Amino acid sequence: MGKIIVCKTKTADDPYMFLNTKVSVYSYEELCYYIYNNMVLIGRDDVTERLAMWIRKELDMPELAGRLESLMEKEAFTQDILIEIITAGNYYGTDEIRAFMKECQKIRGYSKYELLKVKADGYCRYKHYIKAGAMYDEIIKNFPESQGTEVFLGNVYHNKAVVLSGNLQREEARQCFLKAYKLNHNEESLIEYLYVTAVTVDSATLKREIKRHGMPESFFDDVMMEIADCKDDVAEMTIYNKVQKAVYNKLHGNISDYDRRVDSVLTELKDDFRKQLA
């Protein structure tokens, strides 16, 4: 779940999996946390009898399960079902629940493309880049670029660039960050553009880009330091170590171990790709 959650209720033997993100929860507290932070990603297929049965059987909360089944029979709004869940216990306080309900009301007033962006942003957080990218593309293709929409579209281009970066499409990401900056005039988009530029072109070109966009000369050193830190982070990744060891073994004639490690890396990458498509 990405956060330490203190669970005071029963822990399920079998988790409940949300279909869109493939995230599994094991307790009432985890269920509430996921709902609170991912409301727009929870579809109708996630709040069916399957959820009510899991709450009854695995969490031993028959009263809540019964209320949910009643709401489902009445074809209540998905958000109303979610509110029923998070208000059934004591995980969230009154102010937090009030804020959640206010957000529910706000989302109901979103336009088609505003809602689509919020959903895409959610998938982006879970690194479901293919789903997120398709949604950003739909907005870019169909949302009219006119006075008053520049900031919204700029933010869409920015997040589209994040997706492209996540899929190692660096040149495309660079152009998207630049397009984002031209629309939203947000310095964050410009900085990300320069970071991607730093790993795409030579130092002289990077310095020219920094100067052209009015950034101080010292920013070049900042970029280089940030890239060095990122390289240190990458060196600690399991998949990076597998590749390094595979190359080492190949150079030293151990081809069978090289093949084994490469197969392991490819399997891991394929699994990640399949998760994005699911």
Protein backbone atom coordinates (compact mmCIF):
# COMPACT_ATOMS: atom_id res chain seq x y z
CA MET A 1 0.00 0.00 0.00
CA GLY A 2 3.02 2.31 0.29
CA LYS A 3 2.27 3.37 3.88
CA ILE A 4 2.39 1.71 7.30
CA ILE A 5 -1.23 1.28 8.39
CA VAL A 6 -2.09 0.27 11.95
CA CYS A 7 -4.83 -2.36 11.70
CA LYS A 8 -7.11 -2.85 14.71
CA THR A 9 -9.69 -5.02 12.99
CA LYS A 10 -9.48 -8.56 11.62
CA THR A 11 -6.87 -9.28 8.95
CA ALA A 12 -8.19 -11.26 6.01
CA ASP A 13 -6.74 -14.62 5.02
CA ASP A 14 -7.51 -13.83 1.39
CA PRO A 15 -7.12 -10.22 0.22
CA TYR A 16 -9.53 -8.16 -1.83
CA MET A 17 -8.04 -7.03 -5.14
CA PHE A 18 -9.14 -3.86 -6.94
CA LEU A 19 -9.41 -4.69 -10.62
CA ASN A 20 -8.12 -1.45 -12.15
CA THR A 21 -4.87 -1.17 -10.20
CA LYS A 22 -4.35 -4.78 -9.06
CA VAL A 23 -3.82 -3.50 -5.50
CA SER A 24 -4.77 -5.95 -2.74
CA VAL A 25 -6.01 -5.01 0.73
CA TYR A 26 -6.12 -7.25 3.80
CA SER A 27 -8.04 -5.26 6.40
CA TYR A 28 -10.80 -2.72 6.92
CA GLU A 29 -8.19 -0.02 7.54
CA GLU A 30 -6.34 -0.78 4.32
CA LEU A 31 -9.66 -0.80 2.46
CA CYS A 32 -10.52 2.66 3.84
CA TYR A 33 -7.07 4.03 3.02
CA TYR A 34 -7.27 2.79 -0.56
CA ILE A 35 -10.79 4.20 -1.04
CA TYR A 36 -9.84 7.57 0.44
CA ASN A 37 -6.82 7.99 -1.83
CA ASN A 38 -8.08 6.37 -5.04
CA MET A 39 -11.75 7.25 -5.28
CA VAL A 40 -11.72 8.03 -9.02
CA LEU A 41 -10.00 4.74 -9.88
CA ILE A 42 -12.68 2.63 -8.23
CA GLY A 43 -15.16 1.52 -10.85
CA ARG A 44 -18.54 -0.14 -10.65
CA ASP A 45 -16.89 -3.52 -11.12
CA ASP A 46 -15.05 -3.00 -7.82
CA VAL A 47 -18.17 -2.42 -5.70
CA THR A 48 -20.27 -5.50 -6.41
CA GLU A 49 -21.44 -8.44 -4.33
CA ARG A 50 -17.84 -9.66 -4.47
CA LEU A 51 -16.82 -6.80 -2.17
CA ALA A 52 -19.78 -7.28 0.17
CA MET A 53 -19.06 -11.02 0.45
CA TRP A 54 -15.39 -10.34 1.19
CA ILE A 55 -16.29 -7.85 3.93
CA ARG A 56 -18.71 -10.35 5.47
CA LYS A 57 -16.47 -13.41 5.24
CA GLU A 58 -12.93 -12.09 5.58
CA LEU A 59 -13.42 -9.02 7.80
CA ASP A 60 -16.31 -10.44 9.84
CA MET A 61 -18.38 -7.26 9.36
CA PRO A 62 -21.84 -8.63 8.41
CA GLU A 63 -23.73 -5.42 9.27
CA LEU A 64 -21.64 -3.35 6.86
CA ALA A 65 -21.88 -6.06 4.20
CA GLY A 66 -25.67 -6.04 4.52
CA ARG A 67 -25.89 -2.26 4.13
CA LEU A 68 -23.66 -2.42 1.05
CA GLU A 69 -25.81 -5.13 -0.52
CA SER A 70 -28.88 -2.98 0.07
CA LEU A 71 -27.23 0.01 -1.63
CA MET A 72 -26.12 -2.17 -4.54
CA GLU A 73 -29.65 -3.49 -5.03
CA LYS A 74 -30.86 0.11 -5.22
CA GLU A 75 -28.10 0.85 -7.77
CA ALA A 76 -26.71 3.63 -5.59
CA PHE A 77 -23.85 5.82 -6.81
CA THR A 78 -20.44 4.20 -6.42
CA GLN A 79 -19.33 7.15 -4.29
CA ASP A 80 -22.27 6.62 -1.89
CA ILE A 81 -21.17 3.02 -1.40
CA LEU A 82 -17.62 4.15 -0.71
CA ILE A 83 -18.83 6.70 1.85
CA GLU A 84 -20.81 3.95 3.59
CA ILE A 85 -17.61 1.92 3.91
CA ILE A 86 -15.32 4.61 5.31
CA THR A 87 -17.95 5.85 7.79
CA ALA A 88 -18.57 2.37 9.22
CA GLY A 89 -15.49 2.40 11.45
CA ASN A 90 -13.14 4.79 13.20
CA TYR A 91 -10.22 4.89 10.78
CA TYR A 92 -11.03 8.41 9.57
CA GLY A 93 -12.23 11.28 11.71
CA THR A 94 -15.17 13.61 11.10
CA ASP A 95 -13.12 16.29 9.34
CA GLU A 96 -11.48 13.77 7.01
CA ILE A 97 -14.81 12.19 6.11
CA ARG A 98 -16.29 15.63 5.49
CA ALA A 99 -13.37 16.41 3.16
CA PHE A 100 -13.89 13.11 1.35
CA MET A 101 -17.59 13.82 0.83
CA LYS A 102 -16.75 17.30 -0.42
CA GLU A 103 -14.32 15.80 -2.92
CA CYS A 104 -17.00 13.36 -4.06
CA GLN A 105 -19.34 16.25 -4.75
CA LYS A 106 -16.61 18.16 -6.55
CA ILE A 107 -15.81 15.23 -8.83
CA ARG A 108 -19.45 14.85 -9.81
CA GLY A 109 -19.20 18.34 -11.29
CA TYR A 110 -16.09 17.60 -13.38
CA SER A 111 -16.26 17.70 -17.13
CA LYS A 112 -15.49 14.55 -19.12
CA TYR A 113 -11.90 15.57 -19.72
CA GLU A 114 -11.25 16.81 -16.19
CA LEU A 115 -12.39 13.44 -14.84
CA LEU A 116 -10.33 11.60 -17.45
CA LYS A 117 -7.20 13.51 -16.38
CA VAL A 118 -7.76 12.73 -12.70
CA LYS A 119 -8.09 9.04 -13.53
CA ALA A 120 -4.99 9.13 -15.72
CA ASP A 121 -3.04 10.84 -12.95
CA GLY A 122 -4.09 8.03 -10.61
CA TYR A 123 -2.88 5.33 -12.99
CA CYS A 124 0.35 7.28 -13.44
CA ARG A 125 0.95 7.15 -9.66
CA TYR A 126 0.71 3.35 -9.83
CA LYS A 127 3.03 3.32 -12.87
CA HIS A 128 0.29 1.96 -15.13
CA TYR A 129 1.83 4.04 -17.88
CA ILE A 130 0.04 2.47 -20.82
CA LYS A 131 -3.43 3.15 -19.39
CA ALA A 132 -2.46 6.64 -18.27
CA GLY A 133 -0.82 7.48 -21.59
CA ALA A 134 -3.88 6.42 -23.59
CA MET A 135 -6.07 8.70 -21.46
CA TYR A 136 -3.72 11.67 -21.83
CA ASP A 137 -3.65 11.08 -25.59
CA GLU A 138 -7.44 11.10 -25.73
CA ILE A 139 -7.54 14.46 -23.94
CA ILE A 140 -4.83 15.95 -26.15
CA LYS A 141 -6.59 14.73 -29.30
CA ASN A 142 -10.09 15.89 -28.40
CA PHE A 143 -9.84 18.73 -25.90
CA PRO A 144 -9.90 22.12 -27.67
CA GLU A 145 -6.82 24.29 -27.18
CA SER A 146 -8.22 27.76 -26.67
CA GLN A 147 -7.96 30.74 -24.36
CA GLY A 148 -8.59 29.58 -20.82
CA THR A 149 -7.59 25.95 -21.39
CA GLU A 150 -3.82 26.44 -21.71
CA VAL A 151 -2.95 25.57 -18.10
CA PHE A 152 -5.12 22.45 -18.08
CA LEU A 153 -3.66 21.19 -21.36
CA GLY A 154 -0.16 22.11 -20.23
CA ASN A 155 -0.58 19.96 -17.14
CA VAL A 156 -1.84 17.11 -19.33
CA TYR A 157 1.26 17.39 -21.51
CA HIS A 158 3.45 17.48 -18.37
CA ASN A 159 1.99 14.25 -17.03
CA LYS A 160 2.10 12.68 -20.48
CA ALA A 161 5.82 13.45 -20.44
CA VAL A 162 6.14 11.69 -17.07
CA VAL A 163 4.54 8.61 -18.65
CA LEU A 164 6.91 8.77 -21.61
CA SER A 165 9.88 9.12 -19.26
CA GLY A 166 8.69 6.10 -17.32
CA ASN A 167 8.69 4.11 -20.55
CA LEU A 168 12.18 5.45 -21.44
CA GLN A 169 10.89 7.45 -24.43
CA ARG A 170 13.20 10.32 -23.60
CA GLU A 171 13.04 12.42 -26.77
CA GLU A 172 9.24 12.29 -26.84
CA ALA A 173 9.18 13.15 -23.13
CA ARG A 174 11.48 16.10 -23.71
CA GLN A 175 9.19 17.56 -26.36
CA CYS A 176 6.12 17.04 -24.17
CA PHE A 177 7.70 18.81 -21.20
CA LEU A 178 8.59 21.74 -23.48
CA LYS A 179 5.04 21.85 -24.88
CA ALA A 180 3.73 21.75 -21.30
CA TYR A 181 5.87 24.72 -20.30
CA LYS A 182 4.74 26.76 -23.29
CA LEU A 183 1.13 26.21 -22.23
CA ASN A 184 1.18 26.28 -18.42
CA HIS A 185 4.27 28.49 -17.85
CA ASN A 186 5.04 26.30 -14.84
CA GLU A 187 8.74 26.28 -14.00
CA GLU A 188 8.46 22.65 -12.91
CA SER A 189 7.74 21.65 -16.53
CA LEU A 190 10.77 23.65 -17.70
CA ILE A 191 13.03 22.05 -15.10
CA GLU A 192 11.87 18.56 -16.06
CA TYR A 193 12.47 19.44 -19.71
CA LEU A 194 16.05 20.40 -18.88
CA TYR A 195 16.61 17.25 -16.81
CA VAL A 196 15.50 15.04 -19.70
CA THR A 197 17.57 17.17 -22.09
CA ALA A 198 20.60 16.51 -19.88
CA VAL A 199 20.40 12.76 -20.52
CA THR A 200 19.53 13.18 -24.20
CA VAL A 201 22.07 15.67 -25.60
CA ASP A 202 25.67 16.76 -24.95
CA SER A 203 26.73 19.25 -22.25
CA ALA A 204 27.22 22.13 -24.69
CA THR A 205 23.67 21.80 -26.00
CA LEU A 206 22.32 21.57 -22.46
CA LYS A 207 24.13 24.78 -21.48
CA ARG A 208 22.64 26.55 -24.50
CA GLU A 209 19.15 25.37 -23.55
CA ILE A 210 19.62 26.53 -19.97
CA LYS A 211 20.70 29.97 -21.19
CA ARG A 212 17.94 30.16 -23.83
CA HIS A 213 15.26 29.62 -21.21
CA GLY A 214 16.65 32.19 -18.80
CA MET A 215 17.90 29.83 -16.12
CA PRO A 216 21.09 30.75 -14.20
CA GLU A 217 24.37 29.20 -15.32
CA SER A 218 24.64 27.48 -11.94
CA PHE A 219 21.62 25.37 -12.88
CA PHE A 220 23.91 23.24 -15.06
CA ASP A 221 25.78 22.06 -11.95
CA ASP A 222 22.48 21.40 -10.18
CA VAL A 223 21.34 19.18 -13.05
CA MET A 224 24.61 17.25 -13.08
CA MET A 225 24.40 16.64 -9.33
CA GLU A 226 20.81 15.44 -9.62
CA ILE A 227 21.75 13.01 -12.40
CA ALA A 228 24.64 11.69 -10.31
CA ASP A 229 22.26 11.05 -7.41
CA CYS A 230 19.86 9.24 -9.75
CA LYS A 231 22.67 7.02 -10.98
CA ASP A 232 23.41 6.06 -7.39
CA ASP A 233 19.75 5.17 -6.89
CA VAL A 234 19.70 3.07 -10.06
CA ALA A 235 22.82 1.20 -8.93
CA GLU A 236 20.86 0.01 -5.90
CA MET A 237 18.01 -1.43 -7.98
CA THR A 238 17.71 -5.22 -8.13
CA ILE A 239 17.23 -5.32 -11.89
CA TYR A 240 20.31 -3.14 -12.44
CA ASN A 241 22.41 -5.51 -10.32
CA LYS A 242 21.12 -8.50 -12.29
CA VAL A 243 22.16 -6.87 -15.57
CA GLN A 244 25.59 -5.91 -14.18
CA LYS A 245 26.24 -9.45 -12.95
CA ALA A 246 25.02 -10.90 -16.24
CA VAL A 247 27.44 -8.71 -18.23
CA TYR A 248 30.28 -9.57 -15.84
CA ASN A 249 29.67 -13.30 -16.29
CA LYS A 250 29.49 -12.99 -20.07
CA LEU A 251 32.83 -11.13 -20.15
CA HIS A 252 34.34 -13.94 -18.07
CA GLY A 253 32.98 -16.74 -20.23
CA ASN A 254 30.14 -17.92 -18.00
CA ILE A 255 27.50 -17.90 -20.75
CA SER A 256 25.01 -20.19 -18.96
CA ASP A 257 24.81 -17.83 -15.97
CA TYR A 258 24.56 -14.85 -18.32
CA ASP A 259 21.61 -16.48 -20.12
CA ARG A 260 19.92 -17.30 -16.81
CA ARG A 261 20.20 -13.75 -15.49
CA VAL A 262 19.07 -12.16 -18.75
CA ASP A 263 16.04 -14.49 -18.86
CA SER A 264 15.22 -13.40 -15.30
CA VAL A 265 15.44 -9.72 -16.22
CA LEU A 266 13.30 -10.19 -19.35
CA THR A 267 10.69 -12.12 -17.37
CA GLU A 268 10.50 -9.32 -14.82
CA LEU A 269 10.11 -6.68 -17.54
CA LYS A 270 7.43 -8.74 -19.32
CA ASP A 271 5.52 -9.16 -16.05
CA ASP A 272 5.59 -5.41 -15.48
CA PHE A 273 4.34 -4.83 -19.02
CA ARG A 274 1.50 -7.35 -18.60
CA LYS A 275 0.43 -5.63 -15.37
CA GLN A 276 0.13 -2.36 -17.27
CA LEU A 277 -2.06 -4.01 -19.90
CA ALA A 278 -4.33 -5.75 -17.37
